[in-house]
Amino acid sequence: MAGEIRLDQSEKMATGGEPELLENLEEKVGYLLTKYQELKRERDELAVGLDMEREKMAQMEMRLEFFSQEREKLKARIDQLLQRLKSIDI
């Protein structure tokens, strides 16, 4: 039969299996999109957490600077008091 195209058994199976392959592909794409969204959400949460930690660190650095300045002031006052005590003749 010259004008007739015949499908052998493997071609029939491939044609019949296309919906299954597409469903499998759709499932995998859906899974990947879900995982992508989860990772994106996790990244955003981590970015927020990182910003909060940076803010805490900046506040702690400011407190450290304040305490360092206060320490220097106290040290100067103690040195002045010691000098005054040394100058008293006992």
PDB file of N, CA and C in Angstrom:
ATOM      1  N   MET A   1       0.819  -1.152   0.000  1.00  0.00           N
ATOM      2  CA  MET A   1       0.000   0.000   0.000  1.00  0.00           C
ATOM      3  C   MET A   1       0.869   1.223   0.000  1.00  0.00           C
ATOM      4  N   ALA A   2       0.988   1.780  -1.155  1.00  0.00           N
ATOM      5  CA  ALA A   2       1.968   2.815  -1.383  1.00  0.00           C
ATOM      6  C   ALA A   2       1.645   4.112  -0.675  1.00  0.00           C
ATOM      7  N   GLY A   3       0.419   4.572  -0.640  1.00  0.00           N
ATOM      8  CA  GLY A   3       0.087   5.860  -0.043  1.00  0.00           C
ATOM      9  C   GLY A   3      -0.226   5.776   1.440  1.00  0.00           C
ATOM     10  N   GLU A   4      -0.214   4.633   1.999  1.00  0.00           N
ATOM     11  CA  GLU A   4      -0.597   4.438   3.384  1.00  0.00           C
ATOM     12  C   GLU A   4       0.625   4.472   4.295  1.00  0.00           C
ATOM     13  N   ILE A   5       0.518   5.199   5.391  1.00  0.00           N
ATOM     14  CA  ILE A   5       1.604   5.247   6.369  1.00  0.00           C
ATOM     15  C   ILE A   5       1.231   4.313   7.499  1.00  0.00           C
ATOM     16  N   ARG A   6       2.104   3.399   7.765  1.00  0.00           N
ATOM     17  CA  ARG A   6       1.846   2.428   8.816  1.00  0.00           C
ATOM     18  C   ARG A   6       2.711   2.754  10.032  1.00  0.00           C
ATOM     19  N   LEU A   7       2.118   2.658  11.181  1.00  0.00           N
ATOM     20  CA  LEU A   7       2.850   2.848  12.428  1.00  0.00           C
ATOM     21  C   LEU A   7       3.197   1.490  12.989  1.00  0.00           C
ATOM     22  N   ASP A   8       4.455   1.305  13.310  1.00  0.00           N
ATOM     23  CA  ASP A   8       4.790   0.042  13.947  1.00  0.00           C
ATOM     24  C   ASP A   8       4.434   0.121  15.437  1.00  0.00           C
ATOM     25  N   GLN A   9       4.636  -0.926  16.151  1.00  0.00           N
ATOM     26  CA  GLN A   9       4.193  -1.033  17.541  1.00  0.00           C
ATOM     27  C   GLN A   9       4.856   0.021  18.430  1.00  0.00           C
ATOM     28  N   SER A  10       6.151   0.285  18.246  1.00  0.00           N
ATOM     29  CA  SER A  10       6.839   1.262  19.110  1.00  0.00           C
ATOM     30  C   SER A  10       6.327   2.665  18.863  1.00  0.00           C
ATOM     31  N   GLU A  11       5.981   2.986  17.614  1.00  0.00           N
ATOM     32  CA  GLU A  11       5.437   4.310  17.325  1.00  0.00           C
ATOM     33  C   GLU A  11       4.063   4.470  17.951  1.00  0.00           C
ATOM     34  N   LYS A  12       3.257   3.404  17.921  1.00  0.00           N
ATOM     35  CA  LYS A  12       1.935   3.461  18.543  1.00  0.00           C
ATOM     36  C   LYS A  12       2.068   3.693  20.045  1.00  0.00           C
ATOM     37  N   MET A  13       3.022   3.044  20.674  1.00  0.00           N
ATOM     38  CA  MET A  13       3.217   3.196  22.109  1.00  0.00           C
ATOM     39  C   MET A  13       3.692   4.602  22.443  1.00  0.00           C
ATOM     40  N   ALA A  14       4.566   5.147  21.582  1.00  0.00           N
ATOM     41  CA  ALA A  14       5.052   6.496  21.828  1.00  0.00           C
ATOM     42  C   ALA A  14       3.920   7.497  21.683  1.00  0.00           C
ATOM     43  N   THR A  15       3.083   7.309  20.682  1.00  0.00           N
ATOM     44  CA  THR A  15       1.955   8.203  20.481  1.00  0.00           C
ATOM     45  C   THR A  15       0.962   8.060  21.623  1.00  0.00           C
ATOM     46  N   GLY A  16       0.696   6.839  22.012  1.00  0.00           N
ATOM     47  CA  GLY A  16      -0.228   6.606  23.115  1.00  0.00           C
ATOM     48  C   GLY A  16       0.339   7.057  24.444  1.00  0.00           C
ATOM     49  N   GLY A  17       1.633   7.107  24.563  1.00  0.00           N
ATOM     50  CA  GLY A  17       2.277   7.486  25.821  1.00  0.00           C
ATOM     51  C   GLY A  17       2.492   8.972  25.964  1.00  0.00           C
ATOM     52  N   GLU A  18       2.195   9.747  24.924  1.00  0.00           N
ATOM     53  CA  GLU A  18       2.419  11.198  25.012  1.00  0.00           C
ATOM     54  C   GLU A  18       1.655  11.851  26.141  1.00  0.00           C
ATOM     55  N   PRO A  19       0.382  11.557  26.326  1.00  0.00           N
ATOM     56  CA  PRO A  19      -0.318  12.174  27.454  1.00  0.00           C
ATOM     57  C   PRO A  19       0.345  11.854  28.787  1.00  0.00           C
ATOM     58  N   GLU A  20       0.809  10.621  28.934  1.00  0.00           N
ATOM     59  CA  GLU A  20       1.509  10.250  30.170  1.00  0.00           C
ATOM     60  C   GLU A  20       2.788  11.055  30.336  1.00  0.00           C
ATOM     61  N   LEU A  21       3.541  11.195  29.249  1.00  0.00           N
ATOM     62  CA  LEU A  21       4.784  11.967  29.314  1.00  0.00           C
ATOM     63  C   LEU A  21       4.505  13.417  29.652  1.00  0.00           C
ATOM     64  N   LEU A  22       3.460  13.975  29.036  1.00  0.00           N
ATOM     65  CA  LEU A  22       3.120  15.368  29.320  1.00  0.00           C
ATOM     66  C   LEU A  22       2.660  15.537  30.759  1.00  0.00           C
ATOM     67  N   GLU A  23       1.887  14.592  31.263  1.00  0.00           N
ATOM     68  CA  GLU A  23       1.452  14.667  32.656  1.00  0.00           C
ATOM     69  C   GLU A  23       2.655  14.597  33.590  1.00  0.00           C
ATOM     70  N   ASN A  24       3.563  13.703  33.284  1.00  0.00           N
ATOM     71  CA  ASN A  24       4.770  13.566  34.095  1.00  0.00           C
ATOM     72  C   ASN A  24       5.579  14.869  34.055  1.00  0.00           C
ATOM     73  N   LEU A  25       5.698  15.444  32.866  1.00  0.00           N
ATOM     74  CA  LEU A  25       6.437  16.701  32.718  1.00  0.00           C
ATOM     75  C   LEU A  25       5.732  17.820  33.479  1.00  0.00           C
ATOM     76  N   GLU A  26       4.396  17.863  33.374  1.00  0.00           N
ATOM     77  CA  GLU A  26       3.630  18.880  34.093  1.00  0.00           C
ATOM     78  C   GLU A  26       3.816  18.741  35.599  1.00  0.00           C
ATOM     79  N   GLU A  27       3.823  17.512  36.094  1.00  0.00           N
ATOM     80  CA  GLU A  27       4.041  17.282  37.523  1.00  0.00           C
ATOM     81  C   GLU A  27       5.413  17.784  37.951  1.00  0.00           C
ATOM     82  N   LYS A  28       6.416  17.469  37.144  1.00  0.00           N
ATOM     83  CA  LYS A  28       7.778  17.891  37.494  1.00  0.00           C
ATOM     84  C   LYS A  28       7.922  19.401  37.443  1.00  0.00           C
ATOM     85  N   VAL A  29       7.317  20.026  36.436  1.00  0.00           N
ATOM     86  CA  VAL A  29       7.367  21.490  36.335  1.00  0.00           C
ATOM     87  C   VAL A  29       6.634  22.104  37.521  1.00  0.00           C
ATOM     88  N   GLY A  30       5.488  21.549  37.866  1.00  0.00           N
ATOM     89  CA  GLY A  30       4.738  22.036  39.029  1.00  0.00           C
ATOM     90  C   GLY A  30       5.543  21.912  40.304  1.00  0.00           C
ATOM     91  N   TYR A  31       6.203  20.779  40.468  1.00  0.00           N
ATOM     92  CA  TYR A  31       7.052  20.558  41.640  1.00  0.00           C
ATOM     93  C   TYR A  31       8.188  21.584  41.689  1.00  0.00           C
ATOM     94  N   LEU A  32       8.824  21.796  40.542  1.00  0.00           N
ATOM     95  CA  LEU A  32       9.928  22.756  40.491  1.00  0.00           C
ATOM     96  C   LEU A  32       9.449  24.172  40.801  1.00  0.00           C
ATOM     97  N   LEU A  33       8.293  24.545  40.285  1.00  0.00           N
ATOM     98  CA  LEU A  33       7.755  25.881  40.574  1.00  0.00           C
ATOM     99  C   LEU A  33       7.424  26.040  42.050  1.00  0.00           C
ATOM    100  N   THR A  34       6.874  24.986  42.645  1.00  0.00           N
ATOM    101  CA  THR A  34       6.573  25.032  44.075  1.00  0.00           C
ATOM    102  C   THR A  34       7.859  25.192  44.886  1.00  0.00           C
ATOM    103  N   LYS A  35       8.866  24.408  44.557  1.00  0.00           N
ATOM    104  CA  LYS A  35      10.142  24.502  45.268  1.00  0.00           C
ATOM    105  C   LYS A  35      10.774  25.871  45.063  1.00  0.00           C
ATOM    106  N   TYR A  36      10.672  26.396  43.844  1.00  0.00           N
ATOM    107  CA  TYR A  36      11.220  27.727  43.549  1.00  0.00           C
ATOM    108  C   TYR A  36      10.553  28.777  44.431  1.00  0.00           C
ATOM    109  N   GLN A  37       9.217  28.704  44.537  1.00  0.00           N
ATOM    110  CA  GLN A  37       8.493  29.657  45.376  1.00  0.00           C
ATOM    111  C   GLN A  37       8.890  29.515  46.840  1.00  0.00           C
ATOM    112  N   GLU A  38       9.062  28.278  47.309  1.00  0.00           N
ATOM    113  CA  GLU A  38       9.479  28.053  48.693  1.00  0.00           C
ATOM    114  C   GLU A  38      10.861  28.646  48.946  1.00  0.00           C
ATOM    115  N   LEU A  39      11.772  28.412  48.014  1.00  0.00           N
ATOM    116  CA  LEU A  39      13.127  28.947  48.173  1.00  0.00           C
ATOM    117  C   LEU A  39      13.132  30.473  48.126  1.00  0.00           C
ATOM    118  N   LYS A  40      12.306  31.024  47.272  1.00  0.00           N
ATOM    119  CA  LYS A  40      12.210  32.480  47.171  1.00  0.00           C
ATOM    120  C   LYS A  40      11.674  33.068  48.478  1.00  0.00           C
ATOM    121  N   ARG A  41      10.635  32.421  49.032  1.00  0.00           N
ATOM    122  CA  ARG A  41      10.061  32.878  50.296  1.00  0.00           C
ATOM    123  C   ARG A  41      11.094  32.752  51.424  1.00  0.00           C
ATOM    124  N   GLU A  42      11.829  31.630  51.442  1.00  0.00           N
ATOM    125  CA  GLU A  42      12.862  31.429  52.459  1.00  0.00           C
ATOM    126  C   GLU A  42      13.963  32.478  52.327  1.00  0.00           C
ATOM    127  N   ARG A  43      14.350  32.783  51.089  1.00  0.00           N
ATOM    128  CA  ARG A  43      15.368  33.810  50.863  1.00  0.00           C
ATOM    129  C   ARG A  43      14.903  35.162  51.394  1.00  0.00           C
ATOM    130  N   ASP A  44      13.630  35.491  51.131  1.00  0.00           N
ATOM    131  CA  ASP A  44      13.096  36.761  51.610  1.00  0.00           C
ATOM    132  C   ASP A  44      13.062  36.817  53.129  1.00  0.00           C
ATOM    133  N   GLU A  45      12.677  35.706  53.763  1.00  0.00           N
ATOM    134  CA  GLU A  45      12.668  35.649  55.225  1.00  0.00           C
ATOM    135  C   GLU A  45      14.077  35.802  55.789  1.00  0.00           C
ATOM    136  N   LEU A  46      15.042  35.148  55.156  1.00  0.00           N
ATOM    137  CA  LEU A  46      16.427  35.262  55.609  1.00  0.00           C
ATOM    138  C   LEU A  46      16.960  36.682  55.416  1.00  0.00           C
ATOM    139  N   ALA A  47      16.547  37.328  54.337  1.00  0.00           N
ATOM    140  CA  ALA A  47      16.984  38.712  54.095  1.00  0.00           C
ATOM    141  C   ALA A  47      16.436  39.635  55.177  1.00  0.00           C
ATOM    142  N   VAL A  48      15.180  39.423  55.561  1.00  0.00           N
ATOM    143  CA  VAL A  48      14.584  40.230  56.632  1.00  0.00           C
ATOM    144  C   VAL A  48      15.336  39.975  57.941  1.00  0.00           C
ATOM    145  N   GLY A  49      15.602  38.707  58.227  1.00  0.00           N
ATOM    146  CA  GLY A  49      16.351  38.370  59.441  1.00  0.00           C
ATOM    147  C   GLY A  49      17.736  38.983  59.445  1.00  0.00           C
ATOM    148  N   LEU A  50      18.385  38.967  58.290  1.00  0.00           N
ATOM    149  CA  LEU A  50      19.720  39.554  58.174  1.00  0.00           C
ATOM    150  C   LEU A  50      19.664  41.056  58.420  1.00  0.00           C
ATOM    151  N   ASP A  51      18.651  41.719  57.870  1.00  0.00           N
ATOM    152  CA  ASP A  51      18.506  43.158  58.102  1.00  0.00           C
ATOM    153  C   ASP A  51      18.295  43.460  59.582  1.00  0.00           C
ATOM    154  N   MET A  52      17.496  42.623  60.245  1.00  0.00           N
ATOM    155  CA  MET A  52      17.263  42.822  61.679  1.00  0.00           C
ATOM    156  C   MET A  52      18.559  42.641  62.466  1.00  0.00           C
ATOM    157  N   GLU A  53      19.334  41.632  62.116  1.00  0.00           N
ATOM    158  CA  GLU A  53      20.595  41.391  62.812  1.00  0.00           C
ATOM    159  C   GLU A  53      21.589  42.525  62.562  1.00  0.00           C
ATOM    160  N   ARG A  54      21.589  43.045  61.356  1.00  0.00           N
ATOM    161  CA  ARG A  54      22.479  44.189  61.061  1.00  0.00           C
ATOM    162  C   ARG A  54      22.080  45.400  61.892  1.00  0.00           C
ATOM    163  N   GLU A  55      20.772  45.615  62.038  1.00  0.00           N
ATOM    164  CA  GLU A  55      20.295  46.732  62.848  1.00  0.00           C
ATOM    165  C   GLU A  55      20.699  46.537  64.310  1.00  0.00           C
ATOM    166  N   LYS A  56      20.557  45.311  64.812  1.00  0.00           N
ATOM    167  CA  LYS A  56      20.977  45.026  66.192  1.00  0.00           C
ATOM    168  C   LYS A  56      22.469  45.285  66.360  1.00  0.00           C
ATOM    169  N   MET A  57      23.249  44.858  65.374  1.00  0.00           N
ATOM    170  CA  MET A  57      24.692  45.049  65.443  1.00  0.00           C
ATOM    171  C   MET A  57      25.046  46.532  65.460  1.00  0.00           C
ATOM    172  N   ALA A  58      24.350  47.321  64.645  1.00  0.00           N
ATOM    173  CA  ALA A  58      24.609  48.758  64.620  1.00  0.00           C
ATOM    174  C   ALA A  58      24.275  49.388  65.965  1.00  0.00           C
ATOM    175  N   GLN A  59      23.163  48.956  66.568  1.00  0.00           N
ATOM    176  CA  GLN A  59      22.787  49.474  67.886  1.00  0.00           C
ATOM    177  C   GLN A  59      23.813  49.071  68.938  1.00  0.00           C
ATOM    178  N   MET A  60      24.283  47.838  68.866  1.00  0.00           N
ATOM    179  CA  MET A  60      25.287  47.388  69.836  1.00  0.00           C
ATOM    180  C   MET A  60      26.601  48.145  69.660  1.00  0.00           C
ATOM    181  N   GLU A  61      26.972  48.435  68.427  1.00  0.00           N
ATOM    182  CA  GLU A  61      28.188  49.214  68.196  1.00  0.00           C
ATOM    183  C   GLU A  61      28.047  50.613  68.776  1.00  0.00           C
ATOM    184  N   MET A  62      26.839  51.191  68.649  1.00  0.00           N
ATOM    185  CA  MET A  62      26.614  52.516  69.230  1.00  0.00           C
ATOM    186  C   MET A  62      26.699  52.449  70.757  1.00  0.00           C
ATOM    187  N   ARG A  63      26.122  51.406  71.342  1.00  0.00           N
ATOM    188  CA  ARG A  63      26.204  51.249  72.799  1.00  0.00           C
ATOM    189  C   ARG A  63      27.646  51.051  73.247  1.00  0.00           C
ATOM    190  N   LEU A  64      28.395  50.269  72.496  1.00  0.00           N
ATOM    191  CA  LEU A  64      29.794  50.039  72.825  1.00  0.00           C
ATOM    192  C   LEU A  64      30.569  51.351  72.795  1.00  0.00           C
ATOM    193  N   GLU A  65      30.306  52.150  71.779  1.00  0.00           N
ATOM    194  CA  GLU A  65      30.975  53.459  71.685  1.00  0.00           C
ATOM    195  C   GLU A  65      30.592  54.340  72.873  1.00  0.00           C
ATOM    196  N   PHE A  66      29.315  54.336  73.234  1.00  0.00           N
ATOM    197  CA  PHE A  66      28.859  55.123  74.385  1.00  0.00           C
ATOM    198  C   PHE A  66      29.561  54.676  75.665  1.00  0.00           C
ATOM    199  N   PHE A  67      29.594  53.350  75.888  1.00  0.00           N
ATOM    200  CA  PHE A  67      30.235  52.837  77.100  1.00  0.00           C
ATOM    201  C   PHE A  67      31.741  53.112  77.097  1.00  0.00           C
ATOM    202  N   SER A  68      32.362  53.060  75.948  1.00  0.00           N
ATOM    203  CA  SER A  68      33.791  53.369  75.868  1.00  0.00           C
ATOM    204  C   SER A  68      34.049  54.820  76.238  1.00  0.00           C
ATOM    205  N   GLN A  69      33.200  55.711  75.768  1.00  0.00           N
ATOM    206  CA  GLN A  69      33.345  57.125  76.107  1.00  0.00           C
ATOM    207  C   GLN A  69      33.112  57.349  77.600  1.00  0.00           C
ATOM    208  N   GLU A  70      32.091  56.698  78.138  1.00  0.00           N
ATOM    209  CA  GLU A  70      31.815  56.818  79.568  1.00  0.00           C
ATOM    210  C   GLU A  70      32.973  56.277  80.399  1.00  0.00           C
ATOM    211  N   ARG A  71      33.552  55.189  79.957  1.00  0.00           N
ATOM    212  CA  ARG A  71      34.703  54.606  80.655  1.00  0.00           C
ATOM    213  C   ARG A  71      35.866  55.590  80.674  1.00  0.00           C
ATOM    214  N   GLU A  72      36.113  56.221  79.541  1.00  0.00           N
ATOM    215  CA  GLU A  72      37.209  57.192  79.482  1.00  0.00           C
ATOM    216  C   GLU A  72      36.939  58.380  80.408  1.00  0.00           C
ATOM    217  N   LYS A  73      35.701  58.835  80.473  1.00  0.00           N
ATOM    218  CA  LYS A  73      35.353  59.942  81.375  1.00  0.00           C
ATOM    219  C   LYS A  73      35.579  59.545  82.833  1.00  0.00           C
ATOM    220  N   LEU A  74      35.132  58.319  83.177  1.00  0.00           N
ATOM    221  CA  LEU A  74      35.321  57.851  84.551  1.00  0.00           C
ATOM    222  C   LEU A  74      36.796  57.692  84.886  1.00  0.00           C
ATOM    223  N   LYS A  75      37.539  57.191  83.949  1.00  0.00           N
ATOM    224  CA  LYS A  75      38.978  57.023  84.168  1.00  0.00           C
ATOM    225  C   LYS A  75      39.641  58.377  84.406  1.00  0.00           C
ATOM    226  N   ALA A  76      39.242  59.385  83.633  1.00  0.00           N
ATOM    227  CA  ALA A  76      39.815  60.722  83.821  1.00  0.00           C
ATOM    228  C   ALA A  76      39.446  61.283  85.194  1.00  0.00           C
ATOM    229  N   ARG A  77      38.198  61.074  85.611  1.00  0.00           N
ATOM    230  CA  ARG A  77      37.793  61.576  86.928  1.00  0.00           C
ATOM    231  C   ARG A  77      38.535  60.874  88.051  1.00  0.00           C
ATOM    232  N   ILE A  78      38.722  59.554  87.920  1.00  0.00           N
ATOM    233  CA  ILE A  78      39.459  58.802  88.944  1.00  0.00           C
ATOM    234  C   ILE A  78      40.904  59.279  88.992  1.00  0.00           C
ATOM    235  N   ASP A  79      41.515  59.509  87.818  1.00  0.00           N
ATOM    236  CA  ASP A  79      42.883  60.037  87.797  1.00  0.00           C
ATOM    237  C   ASP A  79      42.959  61.397  88.486  1.00  0.00           C
ATOM    238  N   GLN A  80      41.967  62.247  88.268  1.00  0.00           N
ATOM    239  CA  GLN A  80      41.951  63.556  88.918  1.00  0.00           C
ATOM    240  C   GLN A  80      41.851  63.405  90.437  1.00  0.00           C
ATOM    241  N   LEU A  81      40.979  62.492  90.878  1.00  0.00           N
ATOM    242  CA  LEU A  81      40.832  62.271  92.320  1.00  0.00           C
ATOM    243  C   LEU A  81      42.126  61.740  92.927  1.00  0.00           C
ATOM    244  N   LEU A  82      42.796  60.818  92.213  1.00  0.00           N
ATOM    245  CA  LEU A  82      44.064  60.292  92.713  1.00  0.00           C
ATOM    246  C   LEU A  82      45.120  61.395  92.791  1.00  0.00           C
ATOM    247  N   GLN A  83      45.149  62.264  91.825  1.00  0.00           N
ATOM    248  CA  GLN A  83      46.096  63.391  91.841  1.00  0.00           C
ATOM    249  C   GLN A  83      45.814  64.299  93.032  1.00  0.00           C
ATOM    250  N   ARG A  84      44.542  64.535  93.294  1.00  0.00           N
ATOM    251  CA  ARG A  84      44.192  65.393  94.426  1.00  0.00           C
ATOM    252  C   ARG A  84      44.604  64.736  95.732  1.00  0.00           C
ATOM    253  N   LEU A  85      44.409  63.394  95.813  1.00  0.00           N
ATOM    254  CA  LEU A  85      44.818  62.708  97.039  1.00  0.00           C
ATOM    255  C   LEU A  85      46.321  62.737  97.230  1.00  0.00           C
ATOM    256  N   LYS A  86      47.070  62.628  96.127  1.00  0.00           N
ATOM    257  CA  LYS A  86      48.538  62.674  96.215  1.00  0.00           C
ATOM    258  C   LYS A  86      49.011  64.059  96.655  1.00  0.00           C
ATOM    259  N   SER A  87      48.259  65.061  96.263  1.00  0.00           N
ATOM    260  CA  SER A  87      48.709  66.425  96.613  1.00  0.00           C
ATOM    261  C   SER A  87      48.407  66.783  98.059  1.00  0.00           C
ATOM    262  N   ILE A  88      47.552  66.049  98.716  1.00  0.00           N
ATOM    263  CA  ILE A  88      47.255  66.309 100.124  1.00  0.00           C
ATOM    264  C   ILE A  88      48.421  65.792 100.940  1.00  0.00           C
ATOM    265  N   ASP A  89      48.917  66.625 101.800  1.00  0.00           N
ATOM    266  CA  ASP A  89      50.028  66.252 102.651  1.00  0.00           C
ATOM    267  C   ASP A  89      49.507  65.651 103.948  1.00  0.00           C
ATOM    268  N   ILE A  90      49.734  64.384 104.119  1.00  0.00           N
ATOM    269  CA  ILE A  90      49.254  63.719 105.313  1.00  0.00           C
ATOM    270  C   ILE A  90      50.389  63.491 106.275  1.00  0.00           C
TER     271      ILE A  90
END
